[in-house]
Amino acid sequence: MTQSDPTDNALATIASILDPPASRREPENPAAAERMPVAPPPIPTPPPPIEAHGYCKFGPGPMIAIRFKWTVRLDNGEYYVDETIGENSTPIVTGPMSRESAIQMVDDRESDARRRFEQFKSEMTGRNTAANLARKDNGEA
């Protein structure tokens, strides 16, 4: 008689817990299982609307002192966007406008700033400079 490894017993116990025999059973009446209607997937609910008052985005950049910030605020039922540079600057105010326009303006400004920052960063690292030099060498303007 050979003695089994205690690890084998532990693994068998774990396997029996993770895969109980009831889950391995076939349905008693396979035809009934096929006839059962399948419920349609639930219709996803749209996300709640963005709260405009206080909606805020920051521009990219390594220094807070020169980073842009766009914030939507509600004043007397109308929305305004405050654009600041750094922490202590006087805001440039745009508005009044609709809630949707204010949110769109913040999103557009942030997206445009991020695009320009990435372009500037790539120029600083020389990726665009090398491409421009190669074009000039080929006689292209």
Protein backbone atom coordinates (compact mmCIF):
# COMPACT_ATOMS: atom_id res chain seq x y z
CA MET A 1 0.00 0.00 0.00
CA THR A 2 1.46 3.34 -1.01
CA GLN A 3 1.06 6.46 1.00
CA SER A 4 -0.34 9.41 -0.99
CA ASP A 5 1.04 12.91 -0.88
CA PRO A 6 -0.98 15.22 1.46
CA THR A 7 -0.88 17.85 -1.31
CA ASP A 8 -2.94 15.54 -3.54
CA ASN A 9 -5.65 15.33 -0.88
CA ALA A 10 -5.69 19.12 -0.46
CA LEU A 11 -5.92 19.67 -4.21
CA ALA A 12 -8.73 17.16 -4.52
CA THR A 13 -10.64 18.89 -1.72
CA ILE A 14 -10.19 22.30 -3.36
CA ALA A 15 -11.31 20.92 -6.71
CA SER A 16 -14.44 19.40 -5.16
CA ILE A 17 -15.30 22.75 -3.56
CA LEU A 18 -14.76 24.72 -6.77
CA ASP A 19 -16.60 22.23 -8.97
CA PRO A 20 -19.48 20.72 -6.97
CA PRO A 21 -21.19 17.70 -8.50
CA ALA A 22 -24.50 19.55 -8.93
CA SER A 23 -22.97 21.88 -11.48
CA ARG A 24 -21.75 18.95 -13.56
CA ARG A 25 -25.19 17.37 -13.86
CA GLU A 26 -27.07 17.40 -17.15
CA PRO A 27 -30.59 18.89 -17.13
CA GLU A 28 -33.18 16.25 -16.36
CA ASN A 29 -35.27 17.24 -19.36
CA PRO A 30 -33.06 18.71 -22.11
CA ALA A 31 -36.08 19.48 -24.33
CA ALA A 32 -37.58 21.67 -21.56
CA ALA A 33 -34.34 23.56 -21.20
CA GLU A 34 -34.35 24.33 -24.92
CA ARG A 35 -37.94 25.60 -24.84
CA MET A 36 -37.38 28.07 -22.02
CA PRO A 37 -37.38 31.62 -23.38
CA VAL A 38 -34.20 33.55 -23.02
CA ALA A 39 -34.67 36.96 -21.47
CA PRO A 40 -33.32 39.81 -23.58
CA PRO A 41 -30.33 41.62 -22.16
CA PRO A 42 -31.22 44.63 -20.05
CA ILE A 43 -31.25 47.95 -21.85
CA PRO A 44 -28.33 50.01 -20.57
CA THR A 45 -29.36 53.22 -18.90
CA PRO A 46 -27.63 56.36 -20.11
CA PRO A 47 -25.18 57.93 -17.69
CA PRO A 48 -26.57 60.79 -15.64
CA PRO A 49 -25.96 64.24 -17.09
CA ILE A 50 -22.79 66.00 -16.09
CA GLU A 51 -23.22 68.53 -13.31
CA ALA A 52 -22.22 71.73 -15.07
CA HIS A 53 -21.67 74.00 -12.07
CA GLY A 54 -18.15 73.25 -10.89
CA TYR A 55 -17.23 71.24 -14.00
CA CYS A 56 -13.51 71.79 -14.35
CA LYS A 57 -10.55 70.67 -16.45
CA PHE A 58 -6.87 71.51 -16.35
CA GLY A 59 -4.50 72.02 -19.23
CA PRO A 60 -1.36 69.92 -19.52
CA GLY A 61 2.07 71.01 -18.49
CA PRO A 62 4.77 70.46 -15.93
CA MET A 63 4.32 73.72 -13.98
CA ILE A 64 1.22 74.69 -12.03
CA ALA A 65 2.16 78.37 -12.33
CA ILE A 66 1.48 78.34 -16.09
CA ARG A 67 -1.21 75.64 -16.29
CA PHE A 68 -4.62 76.60 -17.68
CA LYS A 69 -7.81 75.83 -15.78
CA TRP A 70 -11.36 76.04 -17.13
CA THR A 71 -14.27 76.02 -14.70
CA VAL A 72 -18.01 76.26 -15.36
CA ARG A 73 -20.04 78.28 -12.89
CA LEU A 74 -23.72 79.05 -12.59
CA ASP A 75 -24.72 82.65 -11.90
CA ASN A 76 -28.38 83.78 -11.88
CA GLY A 77 -29.46 80.79 -13.97
CA GLU A 78 -26.80 81.32 -16.66
CA TYR A 79 -23.53 79.48 -17.17
CA TYR A 80 -20.11 81.07 -17.47
CA VAL A 81 -16.65 79.62 -18.07
CA ASP A 82 -13.77 81.04 -16.02
CA GLU A 83 -10.37 80.53 -17.65
CA THR A 84 -7.32 81.05 -15.45
CA ILE A 85 -3.60 80.61 -15.84
CA GLY A 86 -1.87 79.46 -12.68
CA GLU A 87 -3.37 79.57 -9.23
CA ASN A 88 -3.76 83.29 -8.50
CA SER A 89 -4.67 84.87 -11.84
CA THR A 90 -7.80 86.87 -12.53
CA PRO A 91 -10.16 84.71 -14.62
CA ILE A 92 -11.10 85.50 -18.18
CA VAL A 93 -14.88 85.05 -18.17
CA THR A 94 -16.84 83.78 -21.17
CA GLY A 95 -20.62 83.75 -21.14
CA PRO A 96 -23.47 83.70 -20.56
CA MET A 97 -24.18 80.45 -22.38
CA SER A 98 -26.21 77.27 -22.11
CA ARG A 99 -25.19 74.42 -19.85
CA GLU A 100 -24.24 72.24 -22.82
CA SER A 101 -22.24 75.04 -24.47
CA ALA A 102 -20.29 75.69 -21.29
CA ILE A 103 -19.35 72.02 -20.86
CA GLN A 104 -18.46 71.75 -24.57
CA MET A 105 -16.28 74.86 -24.34
CA VAL A 106 -14.32 73.44 -21.39
CA ASP A 107 -13.87 70.11 -23.19
CA ASP A 108 -12.80 71.81 -26.44
CA ARG A 109 -10.33 74.14 -24.74
CA GLU A 110 -8.76 71.30 -22.76
CA SER A 111 -8.53 69.07 -25.84
CA ASP A 112 -6.98 71.85 -27.94
CA ALA A 113 -4.47 72.71 -25.19
CA ARG A 114 -3.49 69.03 -24.84
CA ARG A 115 -3.02 68.71 -28.63
CA ARG A 116 -0.87 71.86 -28.78
CA PHE A 117 1.15 70.76 -25.76
CA GLU A 118 1.87 67.36 -27.32
CA GLN A 119 2.87 69.04 -30.58
CA PHE A 120 5.18 71.45 -28.76
CA LYS A 121 6.65 68.62 -26.68
CA SER A 122 7.39 66.55 -29.78
CA GLU A 123 9.06 69.58 -31.41
CA MET A 124 11.17 70.11 -28.31
CA THR A 125 12.33 66.51 -28.31
CA GLY A 126 13.38 66.85 -31.94
CA ARG A 127 11.01 64.37 -33.54
CA ASN A 128 9.37 66.97 -35.77
CA THR A 129 12.61 68.90 -36.25
CA ALA A 130 14.33 65.87 -37.77
CA ALA A 131 11.38 65.29 -40.09
CA ASN A 132 11.37 68.95 -41.16
CA LEU A 133 15.13 68.85 -41.86
CA ALA A 134 14.69 65.72 -43.97
CA ARG A 135 11.96 67.44 -46.01
CA LYS A 136 14.10 70.53 -46.56
CA ASP A 137 16.99 68.33 -47.71
CA ASN A 138 14.70 66.75 -50.31
CA GLY A 139 13.81 70.16 -51.70
CA GLU A 140 10.30 70.28 -50.25
CA ALA A 141 9.03 73.47 -48.69
